[in-house]
């Protein structure tokens, strides 16, 4: 039986890292269904969190405070139905938010939405990756001052300097996934692990989710 816990480890640079599992394998504790129009049902099956396909976006949103800098977030997920993204991660970046899209625009586009108003299919972070059905993938996003990095398994997909860039979310309902959330598009995805690592650093802060009605 998995439960929430904290781990203190040392990374290669000898910086103190605090790791926390955000999904207990049993319930939606710490999460809520994101109120996307026509969203699919959220279920717990065989210790996995399943986001069922909806009319467009479906997903979950973290209900507790989340850091805005100096963190890594890891999600292990697989696509179980459909042909679009199955575990897009929306996350804070200082005073804004961005989304790491993996498998968008028909199933293969990977990148960050948005940079200078351009979404993942239009800016220089765009890459293409083939995602197999029912295969587990490990997605990792790292946010440090002035930089966003992202990996699929051990392959680096994004390494972008954002010091002089406007970081924002793509226009639309994805805004409901703030401060941290996971979404699918007309696709069902299963999640088995969500892990947050807080990296040491002078700019480490946190943001709280908006209250109901805000």
Foldseek 3Di string as FASTA:
>chain_A
DFDWDWDWDADPVRWIKIKIWPARLPDQVQKDKQPDVQFADWDRDPSKIKGAFGPWKTWMAGQFKFKQAQKKKKWKKFFADDFAFAWWKWAHHVPAIKIFGAQHPRGFWTAIPDKQQRGSVPDPLIDTDHGDHPDIWMKMWHGHVQWIWIDIHPHTRDTDGCPPIDHYHHPDSCVSRPNIMIMDTSTMMIINTIMMMHTDDPRIDIDGDDDPPD
